[in-house]
Amino acid sequence: MEGRRILIVEGNAELRKVLSDALSELGHEVVTAGDRSEAVEREDLEDFDLIISDLAEYADSGTQIVSELKRKRLFVPIVVSSEEAGHEGIVKAFKLGAANYLRKPYDHDELRNIVEKTLGYKLRFVEDLKVLPYVREHIEFEIPSDITLMNGVLHYIIERVAALGVIKPDTSNLFIALDEAFVNAVKHGNRHDHGKLVRITADLSSKEARFTIEDEGEGFNVNEIPDPRDPANLFKTSGRGVLLIYNIMDEVAYNERGNRLTMVKRPESSLDHDVIESLTPPDDASAKKS
């Protein structure tokens, strides 16, 4: 296997050196850290192909890095290590997303096998990403005018949009726009009438996310919407939700009746989207083949 960049987080200096030497002999570039907090704060975590972190005497000690990578949505496989197979932190680490477990004292053959196996997971994951530029996903919801259903629906949609690399959920304001559109459909369109439905569709690809939200109300005069390009209108109580939508989305359009809203969100710059874009064939690739 081609050499990879590996971060070792091990509090014991002797064991840290044993791991470093063994992995260097296998042809990997190794970076070591003795302090977990220092390792978690590194700004280049996403540049590592693998992280090996020890578990100390208390359960949360070795899961810091696992939870931090999950929070940042970084795909870097983590192998946790411990002298005790029954260590409480191992179970927690696996639930958070750890990829494998390494026993202490380190066995050279076991170390090599686990590292190769875990790195193989990442390589297969990148291979799977190659299909994402070709994915076209269509989602439909037809739900009663009930605000309590909103969070579940929106979280599901946001998760699917993020999976295609269009947004990063922790930094995107897409949720706000969808939330405002849904509330408007329930509150102003259907006037909280549970007998009336809200229809939500999402057409997703790695290039864009297109949403349609339609209510069964009477609609409104679209021409009465204040100019969304004027920042002063954001401070007006009336129509503020619509103005937020206009300023968050890349495209916004109402039907003539005013009860169906179409919104388009295009990709934000992110690691996930950059990876998917790098795997996307040029637009003229098919033309050159013919």
C-alpha atoms as a PDB file:
ATOM      1  CA  MET A   1       0.000   0.000   0.000  1.00  0.00           C
ATOM      2  CA  GLU A   2       1.208   3.486  -0.866  1.00  0.00           C
ATOM      3  CA  GLY A   3       2.469   5.492   2.121  1.00  0.00           C
ATOM      4  CA  ARG A   4      -0.130   7.630   3.894  1.00  0.00           C
ATOM      5  CA  ARG A   5      -0.075  10.468   6.433  1.00  0.00           C
ATOM      6  CA  ILE A   6      -0.888   9.207   9.932  1.00  0.00           C
ATOM      7  CA  LEU A   7      -1.349  11.091  13.215  1.00  0.00           C
ATOM      8  CA  ILE A   8      -0.524   9.203  16.416  1.00  0.00           C
ATOM      9  CA  VAL A   9      -2.005  10.511  19.669  1.00  0.00           C
ATOM     10  CA  GLU A  10      -0.387   8.570  22.504  1.00  0.00           C
ATOM     11  CA  GLY A  11       0.300   9.839  26.042  1.00  0.00           C
ATOM     12  CA  ASN A  12       3.057   7.298  26.703  1.00  0.00           C
ATOM     13  CA  ALA A  13       6.262   8.537  25.067  1.00  0.00           C
ATOM     14  CA  GLU A  14       7.743   5.028  24.761  1.00  0.00           C
ATOM     15  CA  LEU A  15       4.632   3.585  23.119  1.00  0.00           C
ATOM     16  CA  ARG A  16       4.382   6.650  20.917  1.00  0.00           C
ATOM     17  CA  LYS A  17       7.889   5.966  19.597  1.00  0.00           C
ATOM     18  CA  VAL A  18       7.133   2.262  19.066  1.00  0.00           C
ATOM     19  CA  LEU A  19       4.095   3.128  16.958  1.00  0.00           C
ATOM     20  CA  SER A  20       5.917   5.847  15.061  1.00  0.00           C
ATOM     21  CA  ASP A  21       8.881   3.626  14.208  1.00  0.00           C
ATOM     22  CA  ALA A  22       6.668   0.707  13.143  1.00  0.00           C
ATOM     23  CA  LEU A  23       4.499   2.826  10.861  1.00  0.00           C
ATOM     24  CA  SER A  24       7.488   4.682   9.417  1.00  0.00           C
ATOM     25  CA  GLU A  25       9.035   1.326   8.515  1.00  0.00           C
ATOM     26  CA  LEU A  26       5.843   0.546   6.599  1.00  0.00           C
ATOM     27  CA  GLY A  27       6.446   3.651   4.492  1.00  0.00           C
ATOM     28  CA  HIS A  28       3.967   6.043   6.108  1.00  0.00           C
ATOM     29  CA  GLU A  29       4.541   9.686   7.018  1.00  0.00           C
ATOM     30  CA  VAL A  30       3.979   9.852  10.766  1.00  0.00           C
ATOM     31  CA  VAL A  31       3.164  12.837  12.989  1.00  0.00           C
ATOM     32  CA  THR A  32       2.967  12.313  16.759  1.00  0.00           C
ATOM     33  CA  ALA A  33       1.235  14.134  19.607  1.00  0.00           C
ATOM     34  CA  GLY A  34       1.357  13.394  23.314  1.00  0.00           C
ATOM     35  CA  ASP A  35      -1.471  15.713  24.299  1.00  0.00           C
ATOM     36  CA  ARG A  36      -5.037  15.074  23.100  1.00  0.00           C
ATOM     37  CA  SER A  37      -6.186  18.685  23.468  1.00  0.00           C
ATOM     38  CA  GLU A  38      -3.281  19.800  21.312  1.00  0.00           C
ATOM     39  CA  ALA A  39      -4.165  17.190  18.702  1.00  0.00           C
ATOM     40  CA  VAL A  40      -7.844  18.187  18.646  1.00  0.00           C
ATOM     41  CA  GLU A  41      -6.935  21.822  18.043  1.00  0.00           C
ATOM     42  CA  ARG A  42      -4.790  21.075  15.000  1.00  0.00           C
ATOM     43  CA  GLU A  43      -6.084  22.860  11.918  1.00  0.00           C
ATOM     44  CA  ASP A  44      -4.789  20.174   9.549  1.00  0.00           C
ATOM     45  CA  LEU A  45      -6.743  17.186  10.913  1.00  0.00           C
ATOM     46  CA  GLU A  46      -8.457  16.685   7.559  1.00  0.00           C
ATOM     47  CA  ASP A  47      -5.042  16.287   5.892  1.00  0.00           C
ATOM     48  CA  PHE A  48      -4.398  12.993   7.694  1.00  0.00           C
ATOM     49  CA  ASP A  49      -5.424   9.688   6.154  1.00  0.00           C
ATOM     50  CA  LEU A  50      -5.626   7.972   9.544  1.00  0.00           C
ATOM     51  CA  ILE A  51      -5.525   8.878  13.244  1.00  0.00           C
ATOM     52  CA  ILE A  52      -4.538   6.442  15.996  1.00  0.00           C
ATOM     53  CA  SER A  53      -5.573   7.661  19.448  1.00  0.00           C
ATOM     54  CA  ASP A  54      -5.088   5.986  22.804  1.00  0.00           C
ATOM     55  CA  LEU A  55      -7.773   5.773  25.470  1.00  0.00           C
ATOM     56  CA  ALA A  56      -6.649   6.860  28.945  1.00  0.00           C
ATOM     57  CA  GLU A  57      -8.147   5.936  32.295  1.00  0.00           C
ATOM     58  CA  TYR A  58     -11.453   7.729  31.789  1.00  0.00           C
ATOM     59  CA  ALA A  59     -14.026   7.094  29.104  1.00  0.00           C
ATOM     60  CA  ASP A  60     -14.103  10.480  27.387  1.00  0.00           C
ATOM     61  CA  SER A  61     -10.350  10.955  27.071  1.00  0.00           C
ATOM     62  CA  GLY A  62      -9.774   9.197  23.786  1.00  0.00           C
ATOM     63  CA  THR A  63     -13.072  10.113  22.165  1.00  0.00           C
ATOM     64  CA  GLN A  64     -12.298  13.828  21.951  1.00  0.00           C
ATOM     65  CA  ILE A  65     -10.817  13.498  18.488  1.00  0.00           C
ATOM     66  CA  VAL A  66     -13.568  11.159  17.290  1.00  0.00           C
ATOM     67  CA  SER A  67     -16.300  13.602  18.355  1.00  0.00           C
ATOM     68  CA  GLU A  68     -14.374  16.605  16.999  1.00  0.00           C
ATOM     69  CA  LEU A  69     -14.021  15.051  13.538  1.00  0.00           C
ATOM     70  CA  LYS A  70     -17.701  14.157  13.586  1.00  0.00           C
ATOM     71  CA  ARG A  71     -18.602  17.731  14.568  1.00  0.00           C
ATOM     72  CA  LYS A  72     -16.498  19.124  11.706  1.00  0.00           C
ATOM     73  CA  ARG A  73     -17.809  16.456   9.302  1.00  0.00           C
ATOM     74  CA  LEU A  74     -14.255  15.425   8.398  1.00  0.00           C
ATOM     75  CA  PHE A  75     -13.769  11.941   6.984  1.00  0.00           C
ATOM     76  CA  VAL A  76     -10.587  10.746   8.682  1.00  0.00           C
ATOM     77  CA  PRO A  77     -10.756   7.150   9.982  1.00  0.00           C
ATOM     78  CA  ILE A  78      -9.767   6.739  13.646  1.00  0.00           C
ATOM     79  CA  VAL A  79      -8.341   3.660  15.338  1.00  0.00           C
ATOM     80  CA  VAL A  80      -8.560   3.735  19.146  1.00  0.00           C
ATOM     81  CA  SER A  81      -6.130   1.822  21.334  1.00  0.00           C
ATOM     82  CA  SER A  82      -6.220   0.543  24.918  1.00  0.00           C
ATOM     83  CA  GLU A  83      -4.706  -2.080  27.200  1.00  0.00           C
ATOM     84  CA  GLU A  84      -8.197  -3.118  28.321  1.00  0.00           C
ATOM     85  CA  ALA A  85     -10.552  -4.706  25.812  1.00  0.00           C
ATOM     86  CA  GLY A  86     -13.467  -3.798  28.099  1.00  0.00           C
ATOM     87  CA  HIS A  87     -12.545  -0.107  28.330  1.00  0.00           C
ATOM     88  CA  GLU A  88     -15.744   1.948  28.525  1.00  0.00           C
ATOM     89  CA  GLY A  89     -14.342   4.480  26.082  1.00  0.00           C
ATOM     90  CA  ILE A  90     -14.043   1.867  23.308  1.00  0.00           C
ATOM     91  CA  VAL A  91     -17.810   1.396  23.128  1.00  0.00           C
ATOM     92  CA  LYS A  92     -18.358   5.154  23.123  1.00  0.00           C
ATOM     93  CA  ALA A  93     -15.675   5.676  20.463  1.00  0.00           C
ATOM     94  CA  PHE A  94     -17.292   3.122  18.144  1.00  0.00           C
ATOM     95  CA  LYS A  95     -20.711   4.732  18.630  1.00  0.00           C
ATOM     96  CA  LEU A  96     -19.173   8.071  17.652  1.00  0.00           C
ATOM     97  CA  GLY A  97     -17.617   6.585  14.528  1.00  0.00           C
ATOM     98  CA  ALA A  98     -14.242   4.990  15.339  1.00  0.00           C
ATOM     99  CA  ALA A  99     -13.188   2.616  12.556  1.00  0.00           C
ATOM    100  CA  ASN A 100     -11.205  -0.006  14.493  1.00  0.00           C
ATOM    101  CA  TYR A 101      -9.559  -0.996  17.773  1.00  0.00           C
ATOM    102  CA  LEU A 102      -5.896  -1.704  18.501  1.00  0.00           C
ATOM    103  CA  ARG A 103      -4.724  -3.602  21.583  1.00  0.00           C
ATOM    104  CA  LYS A 104      -1.749  -2.680  23.753  1.00  0.00           C
ATOM    105  CA  PRO A 105       1.033  -3.697  23.857  1.00  0.00           C
ATOM    106  CA  TYR A 106       1.196  -3.178  20.107  1.00  0.00           C
ATOM    107  CA  ASP A 107       1.758  -6.208  17.933  1.00  0.00           C
ATOM    108  CA  HIS A 108       3.568  -5.362  14.685  1.00  0.00           C
ATOM    109  CA  ASP A 109       1.519  -7.695  12.467  1.00  0.00           C
ATOM    110  CA  GLU A 110      -1.793  -6.682  14.015  1.00  0.00           C
ATOM    111  CA  LEU A 111      -0.834  -3.024  13.652  1.00  0.00           C
ATOM    112  CA  ARG A 112      -0.017  -3.461   9.956  1.00  0.00           C
ATOM    113  CA  ASN A 113      -3.211  -5.388   9.239  1.00  0.00           C
ATOM    114  CA  ILE A 114      -5.495  -2.928  11.043  1.00  0.00           C
ATOM    115  CA  VAL A 115      -3.849   0.117   9.461  1.00  0.00           C
ATOM    116  CA  GLU A 116      -4.088  -1.370   5.956  1.00  0.00           C
ATOM    117  CA  LYS A 117      -7.680  -2.477   6.513  1.00  0.00           C
ATOM    118  CA  THR A 118      -8.761   0.909   7.892  1.00  0.00           C
ATOM    119  CA  LEU A 119      -7.015   2.875   5.147  1.00  0.00           C
ATOM    120  CA  GLY A 120      -8.772   0.574   2.683  1.00  0.00           C
ATOM    121  CA  TYR A 121     -12.122   1.779   4.041  1.00  0.00           C
ATOM    122  CA  LYS A 122     -11.199   5.355   3.170  1.00  0.00           C
ATOM    123  CA  LEU A 123     -10.005   4.423  -0.315  1.00  0.00           C
ATOM    124  CA  ARG A 124     -13.291   2.630  -0.988  1.00  0.00           C
ATOM    125  CA  PHE A 125     -15.182   5.640   0.364  1.00  0.00           C
ATOM    126  CA  VAL A 126     -13.417   7.915  -2.122  1.00  0.00           C
ATOM    127  CA  GLU A 127     -14.212   5.428  -4.879  1.00  0.00           C
ATOM    128  CA  ASP A 128     -17.878   5.585  -3.847  1.00  0.00           C
ATOM    129  CA  LEU A 129     -17.761   9.382  -4.127  1.00  0.00           C
ATOM    130  CA  LYS A 130     -17.185   8.976  -7.854  1.00  0.00           C
ATOM    131  CA  VAL A 131     -20.856   8.117  -8.325  1.00  0.00           C
ATOM    132  CA  LEU A 132     -22.140  11.263  -6.593  1.00  0.00           C
ATOM    133  CA  PRO A 133     -21.808  13.545  -9.648  1.00  0.00           C
ATOM    134  CA  TYR A 134     -24.296  11.216 -11.373  1.00  0.00           C
ATOM    135  CA  VAL A 135     -26.821  11.062  -8.520  1.00  0.00           C
ATOM    136  CA  ARG A 136     -30.217  12.689  -9.050  1.00  0.00           C
ATOM    137  CA  GLU A 137     -32.377  12.421  -5.950  1.00  0.00           C
ATOM    138  CA  HIS A 138     -36.069  13.304  -5.806  1.00  0.00           C
ATOM    139  CA  ILE A 139     -37.818  13.679  -2.444  1.00  0.00           C
ATOM    140  CA  GLU A 140     -41.508  14.360  -1.847  1.00  0.00           C
ATOM    141  CA  PHE A 141     -43.431  15.174   1.328  1.00  0.00           C
ATOM    142  CA  GLU A 142     -47.194  15.706   1.536  1.00  0.00           C
ATOM    143  CA  ILE A 143     -48.005  16.668   5.097  1.00  0.00           C
ATOM    144  CA  PRO A 144     -50.775  18.394   7.060  1.00  0.00           C
ATOM    145  CA  SER A 145     -50.329  22.008   8.162  1.00  0.00           C
ATOM    146  CA  ASP A 146     -48.642  21.105  11.431  1.00  0.00           C
ATOM    147  CA  ILE A 147     -45.609  23.097  12.553  1.00  0.00           C
ATOM    148  CA  THR A 148     -44.511  20.259  14.850  1.00  0.00           C
ATOM    149  CA  LEU A 149     -43.658  18.140  11.784  1.00  0.00           C
ATOM    150  CA  MET A 150     -41.303  20.775  10.417  1.00  0.00           C
ATOM    151  CA  ASN A 151     -38.040  19.899  12.177  1.00  0.00           C
ATOM    152  CA  GLY A 152     -38.126  16.238  11.165  1.00  0.00           C
ATOM    153  CA  VAL A 153     -38.803  17.064   7.529  1.00  0.00           C
ATOM    154  CA  LEU A 154     -36.173  19.795   7.305  1.00  0.00           C
ATOM    155  CA  HIS A 155     -33.477  17.784   9.070  1.00  0.00           C
ATOM    156  CA  TYR A 156     -34.048  14.912   6.653  1.00  0.00           C
ATOM    157  CA  ILE A 157     -33.753  17.220   3.644  1.00  0.00           C
ATOM    158  CA  ILE A 158     -30.675  19.028   5.009  1.00  0.00           C
ATOM    159  CA  GLU A 159     -28.973  15.671   5.614  1.00  0.00           C
ATOM    160  CA  ARG A 160     -29.573  14.598   2.018  1.00  0.00           C
ATOM    161  CA  VAL A 161     -28.362  17.944   0.609  1.00  0.00           C
ATOM    162  CA  ALA A 162     -25.205  17.710   2.733  1.00  0.00           C
ATOM    163  CA  ALA A 163     -24.572  14.134   1.566  1.00  0.00           C
ATOM    164  CA  LEU A 164     -24.268  15.427  -1.990  1.00  0.00           C
ATOM    165  CA  GLY A 165     -21.762  18.077  -0.929  1.00  0.00           C
ATOM    166  CA  VAL A 166     -23.991  21.065  -1.694  1.00  0.00           C
ATOM    167  CA  ILE A 167     -23.726  22.479   1.854  1.00  0.00           C
ATOM    168  CA  LYS A 168     -21.956  22.014   5.176  1.00  0.00           C
ATOM    169  CA  PRO A 169     -24.775  21.873   7.777  1.00  0.00           C
ATOM    170  CA  ASP A 170     -22.749  23.493  10.568  1.00  0.00           C
ATOM    171  CA  THR A 171     -22.089  26.638   8.518  1.00  0.00           C
ATOM    172  CA  SER A 172     -25.004  26.797   6.072  1.00  0.00           C
ATOM    173  CA  ASN A 173     -28.097  28.974   6.533  1.00  0.00           C
ATOM    174  CA  LEU A 174     -30.176  26.813   4.179  1.00  0.00           C
ATOM    175  CA  PHE A 175     -32.199  25.535   7.145  1.00  0.00           C
ATOM    176  CA  ILE A 176     -33.364  29.113   7.873  1.00  0.00           C
ATOM    177  CA  ALA A 177     -34.700  29.617   4.346  1.00  0.00           C
ATOM    178  CA  LEU A 178     -36.514  26.267   4.283  1.00  0.00           C
ATOM    179  CA  ASP A 179     -37.898  26.902   7.768  1.00  0.00           C
ATOM    180  CA  GLU A 180     -39.265  30.313   6.744  1.00  0.00           C
ATOM    181  CA  ALA A 181     -40.831  28.860   3.596  1.00  0.00           C
ATOM    182  CA  PHE A 182     -42.503  26.032   5.522  1.00  0.00           C
ATOM    183  CA  VAL A 183     -43.831  28.347   8.248  1.00  0.00           C
ATOM    184  CA  ASN A 184     -45.213  30.735   5.630  1.00  0.00           C
ATOM    185  CA  ALA A 185     -47.012  27.867   3.883  1.00  0.00           C
ATOM    186  CA  VAL A 186     -48.579  26.645   7.140  1.00  0.00           C
ATOM    187  CA  LYS A 187     -49.268  29.995   8.791  1.00  0.00           C
ATOM    188  CA  HIS A 188     -50.086  32.393   5.957  1.00  0.00           C
ATOM    189  CA  GLY A 189     -51.013  29.956   3.191  1.00  0.00           C
ATOM    190  CA  ASN A 190     -53.090  27.280   4.910  1.00  0.00           C
ATOM    191  CA  ARG A 191     -53.729  29.353   8.056  1.00  0.00           C
ATOM    192  CA  HIS A 192     -52.932  26.400  10.334  1.00  0.00           C
ATOM    193  CA  ASP A 193     -55.796  24.376   8.829  1.00  0.00           C
ATOM    194  CA  HIS A 194     -54.741  20.732   9.435  1.00  0.00           C
ATOM    195  CA  GLY A 195     -57.141  19.674   6.718  1.00  0.00           C
ATOM    196  CA  LYS A 196     -54.988  21.450   4.133  1.00  0.00           C
ATOM    197  CA  LEU A 197     -51.718  19.989   2.934  1.00  0.00           C
ATOM    198  CA  VAL A 198     -48.242  21.356   2.357  1.00  0.00           C
ATOM    199  CA  ARG A 199     -46.372  19.697  -0.496  1.00  0.00           C
ATOM    200  CA  ILE A 200     -42.598  19.789  -0.390  1.00  0.00           C
ATOM    201  CA  THR A 201     -40.387  18.465  -3.170  1.00  0.00           C
ATOM    202  CA  ALA A 202     -36.611  18.463  -3.390  1.00  0.00           C
ATOM    203  CA  ASP A 203     -34.646  17.659  -6.537  1.00  0.00           C
ATOM    204  CA  LEU A 204     -31.032  17.182  -5.528  1.00  0.00           C
ATOM    205  CA  SER A 205     -27.718  16.732  -7.297  1.00  0.00           C
ATOM    206  CA  SER A 206     -24.126  17.711  -6.601  1.00  0.00           C
ATOM    207  CA  LYS A 207     -24.720  20.782  -8.815  1.00  0.00           C
ATOM    208  CA  GLU A 208     -27.755  22.235  -7.071  1.00  0.00           C
ATOM    209  CA  ALA A 209     -30.644  21.644  -4.699  1.00  0.00           C
ATOM    210  CA  ARG A 210     -34.054  22.730  -6.043  1.00  0.00           C
ATOM    211  CA  PHE A 211     -36.973  22.980  -3.616  1.00  0.00           C
ATOM    212  CA  THR A 212     -40.677  23.541  -4.167  1.00  0.00           C
ATOM    213  CA  ILE A 213     -43.076  24.284  -1.304  1.00  0.00           C
ATOM    214  CA  GLU A 214     -46.776  24.535  -2.159  1.00  0.00           C
ATOM    215  CA  ASP A 215     -49.761  25.187   0.082  1.00  0.00           C
ATOM    216  CA  GLU A 216     -53.512  24.962  -0.565  1.00  0.00           C
ATOM    217  CA  GLY A 217     -54.246  28.541   0.434  1.00  0.00           C
ATOM    218  CA  GLU A 218     -55.512  31.422  -1.662  1.00  0.00           C
ATOM    219  CA  GLY A 219     -52.017  32.743  -2.340  1.00  0.00           C
ATOM    220  CA  PHE A 220     -50.996  36.398  -2.380  1.00  0.00           C
ATOM    221  CA  ASN A 221     -49.912  39.157  -4.715  1.00  0.00           C
ATOM    222  CA  VAL A 222     -46.253  38.476  -5.413  1.00  0.00           C
ATOM    223  CA  ASN A 223     -45.753  42.041  -6.634  1.00  0.00           C
ATOM    224  CA  GLU A 224     -46.370  43.309  -3.095  1.00  0.00           C
ATOM    225  CA  ILE A 225     -43.124  41.742  -1.818  1.00  0.00           C
ATOM    226  CA  PRO A 226     -40.651  44.504  -0.816  1.00  0.00           C
ATOM    227  CA  ASP A 227     -37.469  44.710  -2.879  1.00  0.00           C
ATOM    228  CA  PRO A 228     -35.206  41.921  -1.454  1.00  0.00           C
ATOM    229  CA  ARG A 229     -32.128  43.758  -2.741  1.00  0.00           C
ATOM    230  CA  ASP A 230     -32.755  46.636  -0.320  1.00  0.00           C
ATOM    231  CA  PRO A 231     -31.154  45.760   3.079  1.00  0.00           C
ATOM    232  CA  ALA A 232     -33.482  48.209   4.841  1.00  0.00           C
ATOM    233  CA  ASN A 233     -36.424  45.908   4.110  1.00  0.00           C
ATOM    234  CA  LEU A 234     -34.918  43.154   6.271  1.00  0.00           C
ATOM    235  CA  PHE A 235     -35.840  45.190   9.346  1.00  0.00           C
ATOM    236  CA  LYS A 236     -39.501  45.392   8.414  1.00  0.00           C
ATOM    237  CA  THR A 237     -41.789  42.990  10.268  1.00  0.00           C
ATOM    238  CA  SER A 238     -44.044  42.346   7.285  1.00  0.00           C
ATOM    239  CA  GLY A 239     -42.609  39.940   4.721  1.00  0.00           C
ATOM    240  CA  ARG A 240     -39.324  39.495   6.585  1.00  0.00           C
ATOM    241  CA  GLY A 241     -39.322  35.705   6.089  1.00  0.00           C
ATOM    242  CA  VAL A 242     -39.700  36.086   2.325  1.00  0.00           C
ATOM    243  CA  LEU A 243     -36.833  38.584   2.257  1.00  0.00           C
ATOM    244  CA  LEU A 244     -34.600  36.168   4.179  1.00  0.00           C
ATOM    245  CA  ILE A 245     -35.381  33.471   1.620  1.00  0.00           C
ATOM    246  CA  TYR A 246     -34.480  35.799  -1.250  1.00  0.00           C
ATOM    247  CA  ASN A 247     -31.163  36.689   0.376  1.00  0.00           C
ATOM    248  CA  ILE A 248     -30.175  33.118   1.283  1.00  0.00           C
ATOM    249  CA  MET A 249     -31.178  31.279  -1.886  1.00  0.00           C
ATOM    250  CA  ASP A 250     -29.545  31.655  -5.294  1.00  0.00           C
ATOM    251  CA  GLU A 251     -32.878  31.621  -7.136  1.00  0.00           C
ATOM    252  CA  VAL A 252     -36.394  32.308  -5.856  1.00  0.00           C
ATOM    253  CA  ALA A 253     -39.643  32.274  -7.841  1.00  0.00           C
ATOM    254  CA  TYR A 254     -43.370  32.210  -7.014  1.00  0.00           C
ATOM    255  CA  ASN A 255     -46.133  30.989  -9.272  1.00  0.00           C
ATOM    256  CA  GLU A 256     -48.712  33.549 -10.400  1.00  0.00           C
ATOM    257  CA  ARG A 257     -51.157  32.597  -7.671  1.00  0.00           C
ATOM    258  CA  GLY A 258     -48.503  32.949  -4.977  1.00  0.00           C
ATOM    259  CA  ASN A 259     -49.052  29.580  -3.270  1.00  0.00           C
ATOM    260  CA  ARG A 260     -46.078  27.725  -4.743  1.00  0.00           C
ATOM    261  CA  LEU A 261     -42.498  28.758  -4.029  1.00  0.00           C
ATOM    262  CA  THR A 262     -39.499  27.416  -5.946  1.00  0.00           C
ATOM    263  CA  MET A 263     -35.995  27.917  -4.506  1.00  0.00           C
ATOM    264  CA  VAL A 264     -32.554  26.904  -5.741  1.00  0.00           C
ATOM    265  CA  LYS A 265     -29.393  26.565  -3.665  1.00  0.00           C
ATOM    266  CA  ARG A 266     -26.055  25.990  -5.369  1.00  0.00           C
ATOM    267  CA  PRO A 267     -22.956  24.464  -3.764  1.00  0.00           C
ATOM    268  CA  GLU A 268     -20.981  26.270  -1.128  1.00  0.00           C
ATOM    269  CA  SER A 269     -17.213  25.887  -1.113  1.00  0.00           C
ATOM    270  CA  SER A 270     -16.316  22.946   1.143  1.00  0.00           C
ATOM    271  CA  LEU A 271     -14.020  19.956   1.332  1.00  0.00           C
ATOM    272  CA  ASP A 272     -16.854  17.543   0.481  1.00  0.00           C
ATOM    273  CA  HIS A 273     -17.949  19.519  -2.567  1.00  0.00           C
ATOM    274  CA  ASP A 274     -14.365  20.049  -3.762  1.00  0.00           C
ATOM    275  CA  VAL A 275     -13.758  16.285  -3.617  1.00  0.00           C
ATOM    276  CA  ILE A 276     -16.957  15.572  -5.573  1.00  0.00           C
ATOM    277  CA  GLU A 277     -16.126  18.272  -8.123  1.00  0.00           C
ATOM    278  CA  SER A 278     -12.657  16.798  -8.647  1.00  0.00           C
ATOM    279  CA  LEU A 279     -14.304  13.467  -9.517  1.00  0.00           C
ATOM    280  CA  THR A 280     -16.779  15.021 -11.954  1.00  0.00           C
ATOM    281  CA  PRO A 281     -15.910  14.497 -15.622  1.00  0.00           C
ATOM    282  CA  PRO A 282     -15.658  17.638 -17.798  1.00  0.00           C
ATOM    283  CA  ASP A 283     -18.907  18.696 -19.482  1.00  0.00           C
ATOM    284  CA  ASP A 284     -17.381  18.134 -22.893  1.00  0.00           C
ATOM    285  CA  ALA A 285     -16.038  14.664 -22.088  1.00  0.00           C
ATOM    286  CA  SER A 286     -18.891  12.879 -23.829  1.00  0.00           C
ATOM    287  CA  ALA A 287     -18.599  15.144 -26.841  1.00  0.00           C
ATOM    288  CA  LYS A 288     -14.933  14.287 -27.286  1.00  0.00           C
ATOM    289  CA  LYS A 289     -15.723  10.581 -27.210  1.00  0.00           C
ATOM    290  CA  SER A 290     -18.275  10.816 -30.023  1.00  0.00           C
END
